[in-house]
Amino acid sequence: MPNRTVFFVSDGTGITAETFGNSILAQFSTKHRHVRRPFIDTPEKARQILEEINTTVATEGQRPIVFITLIDEEARRLVHDNANALVLDMFQSFVEPLESELGIKSNHRVGRFSDVAKSQEYHDRIEAINFSLAHDDGQSARNLDSADVILVGVSRSGKTPTSLYLAMQHGVKAANYPLIPEDFERDCLPSMLEPYKRKCFGLTIDADRLSQIRNERRPGSKYAALSNCRYEINEAERLMKRAGISWLSSTHKSIEEIATTILRDIRPDRLIY
């Protein structure tokens, strides 16, 4: 099947439409051109997008795929009824059946938060992001008692992106701490982590992949050498095993999969909200 242009059209940021749409498209072995069009919250803006969609048909010779999350009824109808495309209306697919099942009308609110200034969930996420940034790569040992999780592992094993994802998506205060050659020489975890071992979760990675990643940063260095990567990984896994710290390999897992595993094992309460 020829690859197509895929539009994600939303009256908010478009992240929900894109995340959902990409999870569906991942079931097909195709690579599409993605176009996100956020903040389409008026009929006039919807007409502009409609023109762009229909122009794409004329240019590419095939219908695009359009995922929409539009609250404004007129804007929604304009795209749904007039686009020469496969239009997948996420609100129509999910919100309307829920309204029928629950016996109430949805509030037709744009975005995740009605008023961020009044949302405790939003403020908790911002606080978690600030915490994760302040405790990235072992920068600070302050307030580790308030951390939800502390990620440990060798340099470039995926600790920083996972920490930030946990903070941004789940409001989890995630610190991360690198295991370095000095730790292996001492043959023990860093002393600052000892009181918090129950909060620790380890990330490991295949040596070949780690060497590749490190060579992109410091090509030809001892730091990136395959033999050194093997040594560091073996030593890190040995330390974590002796300390009773669970770990997983980030080699073939997405950040989303890693974060979900961490939540399941360390903070299962965060999977219920």
Protein backbone atom coordinates (compact mmCIF):
# COMPACT_ATOMS: atom_id res chain seq x y z
CA MET A 1 0.00 0.00 0.00
CA PRO A 2 1.44 3.42 -0.96
CA ASN A 3 2.37 5.63 1.97
CA ARG A 4 0.00 8.50 2.62
CA THR A 5 -0.19 11.84 4.33
CA VAL A 6 -1.78 11.65 7.76
CA PHE A 7 -3.32 14.74 9.36
CA PHE A 8 -3.86 15.14 13.10
CA VAL A 9 -6.36 17.95 13.51
CA SER A 10 -7.29 19.20 16.96
CA ASP A 11 -8.67 22.23 18.75
CA GLY A 12 -5.98 21.63 21.42
CA THR A 13 -2.35 20.68 21.08
CA GLY A 14 -3.06 17.66 18.89
CA ILE A 15 -0.96 15.40 21.10
CA THR A 16 -3.90 13.14 21.99
CA ALA A 17 -4.91 12.71 18.36
CA GLU A 18 -1.34 12.07 17.28
CA THR A 19 -0.59 9.61 20.08
CA PHE A 20 -3.75 7.62 19.42
CA GLY A 21 -3.36 7.81 15.65
CA ASN A 22 0.27 6.67 15.76
CA SER A 23 -0.62 3.69 17.94
CA ILE A 24 -3.15 2.63 15.32
CA LEU A 25 -0.84 3.27 12.37
CA ALA A 26 1.92 1.25 14.05
CA GLN A 27 -0.12 -1.86 13.23
CA PHE A 28 0.69 -1.33 9.54
CA SER A 29 4.10 -1.67 7.89
CA THR A 30 3.99 1.75 6.24
CA LYS A 31 5.73 5.06 6.84
CA HIS A 32 3.51 8.09 6.44
CA ARG A 33 4.01 11.83 6.19
CA HIS A 34 2.62 13.29 9.40
CA VAL A 35 1.02 16.72 9.58
CA ARG A 36 -0.15 18.04 12.96
CA ARG A 37 -2.56 20.99 12.89
CA PRO A 38 -3.28 22.19 16.46
CA PHE A 39 -5.64 24.86 17.80
CA ILE A 40 -8.26 24.49 15.06
CA ASP A 41 -11.00 25.96 17.24
CA THR A 42 -13.10 27.98 14.78
CA PRO A 43 -14.97 27.19 11.56
CA GLU A 44 -12.67 29.58 9.67
CA LYS A 45 -9.58 27.65 10.75
CA ALA A 46 -11.37 24.41 9.88
CA ARG A 47 -11.97 25.70 6.34
CA GLN A 48 -8.27 26.41 5.94
CA ILE A 49 -7.39 22.88 7.04
CA LEU A 50 -10.09 21.46 4.79
CA GLU A 51 -8.48 23.25 1.84
CA GLU A 52 -5.07 21.88 2.79
CA ILE A 53 -6.45 18.33 3.04
CA ASN A 54 -8.20 18.50 -0.32
CA THR A 55 -5.15 20.08 -1.97
CA THR A 56 -3.12 17.12 -0.73
CA VAL A 57 -5.46 14.78 -2.60
CA ALA A 58 -4.91 16.70 -5.83
CA THR A 59 -1.14 16.80 -5.32
CA GLU A 60 -0.54 13.23 -4.20
CA GLY A 61 -3.31 11.47 -6.08
CA GLN A 62 -4.63 9.61 -3.03
CA ARG A 63 -6.77 10.38 -0.05
CA PRO A 64 -5.01 11.29 3.17
CA ILE A 65 -5.97 9.88 6.55
CA VAL A 66 -7.30 12.44 9.03
CA PHE A 67 -7.58 11.95 12.79
CA ILE A 68 -9.67 14.70 14.37
CA THR A 69 -10.47 15.77 17.92
CA LEU A 70 -12.66 18.82 17.40
CA ILE A 71 -15.19 20.12 19.93
CA ASP A 72 -16.69 22.96 17.87
CA GLU A 73 -19.62 21.32 16.10
CA GLU A 74 -19.46 23.45 12.96
CA ALA A 75 -15.70 22.99 12.59
CA ARG A 76 -16.10 19.29 13.11
CA ARG A 77 -18.88 18.98 10.50
CA LEU A 78 -16.89 21.00 7.97
CA VAL A 79 -13.97 18.58 8.10
CA HIS A 80 -15.99 15.42 8.55
CA ASP A 81 -18.47 16.07 5.73
CA ASN A 82 -16.29 17.84 3.15
CA ALA A 83 -12.81 16.37 3.36
CA ASN A 84 -11.85 14.07 0.52
CA ALA A 85 -10.15 11.77 3.04
CA LEU A 86 -10.65 8.96 5.49
CA VAL A 87 -11.73 10.98 8.54
CA LEU A 88 -11.49 9.22 11.89
CA ASP A 89 -13.38 11.26 14.46
CA MET A 90 -12.14 10.25 17.88
CA PHE A 91 -14.80 12.18 19.80
CA GLN A 92 -17.61 10.72 17.73
CA SER A 93 -16.15 7.26 18.20
CA PHE A 94 -15.70 7.50 21.95
CA VAL A 95 -17.38 10.53 23.54
CA GLU A 96 -20.84 10.04 22.07
CA PRO A 97 -21.11 6.36 23.08
CA LEU A 98 -19.93 7.33 26.57
CA GLU A 99 -22.56 10.05 26.77
CA SER A 100 -25.17 7.45 25.91
CA GLU A 101 -23.82 4.91 28.40
CA LEU A 102 -23.39 7.37 31.28
CA GLY A 103 -26.62 9.21 30.58
CA ILE A 104 -24.96 12.64 30.72
CA LYS A 105 -23.51 15.10 28.24
CA SER A 106 -19.78 15.72 28.15
CA ASN A 107 -18.57 19.21 29.01
CA HIS A 108 -17.01 19.60 25.53
CA ARG A 109 -13.91 21.05 27.06
CA VAL A 110 -10.89 21.76 24.88
CA GLY A 111 -7.65 20.21 26.14
CA ARG A 112 -6.71 18.18 29.17
CA PHE A 113 -7.23 20.90 31.78
CA SER A 114 -10.12 23.36 31.93
CA ASP A 115 -8.04 25.89 33.90
CA VAL A 116 -4.40 25.06 34.56
CA ALA A 117 -4.24 27.68 37.30
CA LYS A 118 -6.77 25.66 39.31
CA SER A 119 -5.60 22.17 38.41
CA GLN A 120 -3.69 20.36 41.14
CA GLU A 121 -2.80 17.60 38.69
CA TYR A 122 -1.14 20.16 36.41
CA HIS A 123 0.84 21.72 39.26
CA ASP A 124 1.92 18.28 40.44
CA ARG A 125 3.28 17.55 36.98
CA ILE A 126 5.21 20.82 36.87
CA GLU A 127 6.67 20.10 40.31
CA ALA A 128 7.67 16.60 39.18
CA ILE A 129 9.36 17.99 36.05
CA ASN A 130 11.34 20.51 38.11
CA PHE A 131 12.33 17.74 40.53
CA SER A 132 13.51 15.45 37.72
CA LEU A 133 15.55 18.22 36.10
CA ALA A 134 17.18 19.12 39.43
CA HIS A 135 18.04 15.46 40.10
CA ASP A 136 19.19 14.52 36.61
CA ASP A 137 22.43 12.55 36.31
CA GLY A 138 23.14 12.66 40.05
CA GLN A 139 23.30 16.47 40.15
CA SER A 140 21.76 16.68 43.60
CA ALA A 141 21.19 14.42 46.59
CA ARG A 142 18.80 16.86 48.24
CA ASN A 143 15.23 15.74 48.92
CA LEU A 144 15.76 12.22 47.58
CA ASP A 145 13.40 11.08 50.31
CA SER A 146 10.59 12.71 48.33
CA ALA A 147 11.49 10.91 45.09
CA ASP A 148 8.97 8.39 43.79
CA VAL A 149 11.68 6.49 41.93
CA ILE A 150 15.44 6.72 41.41
CA LEU A 151 16.71 5.32 38.13
CA VAL A 152 20.22 3.87 38.16
CA GLY A 153 22.41 2.50 35.40
CA VAL A 154 25.46 3.24 33.29
CA SER A 155 25.74 6.44 31.32
CA ARG A 156 23.52 6.62 28.21
CA SER A 157 21.26 3.72 29.15
CA GLY A 158 18.09 5.85 28.91
CA LYS A 159 17.73 7.22 32.44
CA THR A 160 17.19 10.91 31.61
CA PRO A 161 14.46 10.54 28.94
CA THR A 162 12.64 7.99 31.09
CA SER A 163 12.80 10.28 34.13
CA LEU A 164 11.38 13.20 32.17
CA TYR A 165 8.66 11.06 30.61
CA LEU A 166 7.57 9.83 34.04
CA ALA A 167 7.42 13.42 35.27
CA MET A 168 5.65 14.90 32.26
CA GLN A 169 3.13 12.14 31.66
CA HIS A 170 2.52 10.78 35.15
CA GLY A 171 3.60 13.49 37.59
CA VAL A 172 6.17 11.10 39.06
CA LYS A 173 9.19 12.60 40.82
CA ALA A 174 11.95 10.63 39.16
CA ALA A 175 15.61 11.17 39.98
CA ASN A 176 18.37 9.39 38.13
CA TYR A 177 21.92 8.50 39.11
CA PRO A 178 24.71 7.13 36.90
CA LEU A 179 26.77 4.13 37.96
CA ILE A 180 30.38 5.00 37.13
CA PRO A 181 33.76 3.19 37.18
CA GLU A 182 34.52 4.54 40.67
CA ASP A 183 31.43 2.73 41.97
CA PHE A 184 32.66 -0.51 40.40
CA GLU A 185 36.11 -0.06 41.94
CA ARG A 186 34.53 0.45 45.38
CA ASP A 187 32.31 -2.55 44.62
CA CYS A 188 29.22 -0.93 46.10
CA LEU A 189 26.38 1.40 45.27
CA PRO A 190 26.96 5.13 45.85
CA SER A 191 26.43 5.85 49.54
CA MET A 192 23.75 8.43 48.79
CA LEU A 193 21.56 5.67 47.29
CA GLU A 194 21.84 3.20 50.15
CA PRO A 195 18.95 4.66 52.22
CA TYR A 196 16.69 4.63 49.16
CA LYS A 197 17.34 1.22 47.62
CA ARG A 198 13.65 0.36 47.76
CA LYS A 199 12.99 3.32 45.42
CA CYS A 200 15.71 2.36 42.95
CA PHE A 201 15.06 0.82 39.56
CA GLY A 202 17.85 -0.10 37.16
CA LEU A 203 18.23 0.31 33.42
CA THR A 204 20.70 -1.75 31.47
CA ILE A 205 21.39 -2.03 27.75
CA ASP A 206 23.16 -4.28 25.25
CA ALA A 207 26.86 -3.46 24.97
CA ASP A 208 26.78 -3.13 21.17
CA ARG A 209 23.96 -0.61 21.35
CA LEU A 210 25.59 1.32 24.17
CA SER A 211 28.85 1.55 22.24
CA GLN A 212 26.97 2.86 19.22
CA ILE A 213 25.20 5.53 21.27
CA ARG A 214 28.38 6.62 23.04
CA ASN A 215 30.34 6.78 19.78
CA GLU A 216 27.83 9.32 18.52
CA ARG A 217 28.80 11.51 21.45
CA ARG A 218 32.51 10.72 21.88
CA PRO A 219 33.72 8.83 18.79
CA GLY A 220 36.79 6.64 19.24
CA SER A 221 37.00 7.19 23.01
CA LYS A 222 37.60 4.62 25.74
CA TYR A 223 34.18 5.68 27.06
CA ALA A 224 32.59 4.39 23.85
CA ALA A 225 34.79 1.33 23.32
CA LEU A 226 32.84 -1.93 23.14
CA SER A 227 35.10 -3.62 25.70
CA ASN A 228 34.54 -0.79 28.18
CA CYS A 229 30.80 -0.85 27.59
CA ARG A 230 30.73 -4.58 28.31
CA TYR A 231 32.71 -4.06 31.49
CA GLU A 232 30.48 -1.25 32.78
CA ILE A 233 27.26 -3.12 31.99
CA ASN A 234 28.43 -6.33 33.65
CA GLU A 235 29.60 -4.47 36.75
CA ALA A 236 26.41 -2.40 36.96
CA GLU A 237 24.20 -5.47 36.70
CA ARG A 238 26.28 -7.23 39.36
CA LEU A 239 25.93 -4.28 41.74
CA MET A 240 22.20 -4.03 41.17
CA LYS A 241 21.69 -7.75 41.65
CA ARG A 242 23.62 -7.72 44.92
CA ALA A 243 21.66 -4.70 46.15
CA GLY A 244 18.33 -6.33 45.26
CA ILE A 245 17.45 -3.69 42.65
CA SER A 246 15.19 -4.75 39.80
CA TRP A 247 16.21 -3.72 36.32
CA LEU A 248 15.30 -4.11 32.68
CA SER A 249 17.05 -3.60 29.37
CA SER A 250 16.21 -0.46 27.43
CA THR A 251 17.72 -1.85 24.21
CA HIS A 252 14.50 -2.79 22.45
CA LYS A 253 11.90 -1.06 24.63
CA SER A 254 10.23 2.29 24.14
CA ILE A 255 10.25 4.92 26.87
CA GLU A 256 6.53 4.28 27.33
CA GLU A 257 7.14 0.57 27.95
CA ILE A 258 9.99 1.26 30.36
CA ALA A 259 7.95 3.84 32.29
CA THR A 260 4.94 1.53 32.57
CA THR A 261 7.12 -1.30 33.89
CA ILE A 262 8.62 1.05 36.49
CA LEU A 263 5.19 2.23 37.60
CA ARG A 264 3.95 -1.34 37.83
CA ASP A 265 6.90 -2.42 39.96
CA ILE A 266 7.66 0.70 42.03
CA ARG A 267 4.47 2.78 42.16
CA PRO A 268 1.49 0.62 41.11
CA ASP A 269 -0.81 3.20 42.72
CA ARG A 270 0.08 5.58 39.88
CA LEU A 271 -1.63 3.23 37.43
CA ILE A 272 -4.92 3.89 39.28
CA TYR A 273 -6.23 7.45 39.20
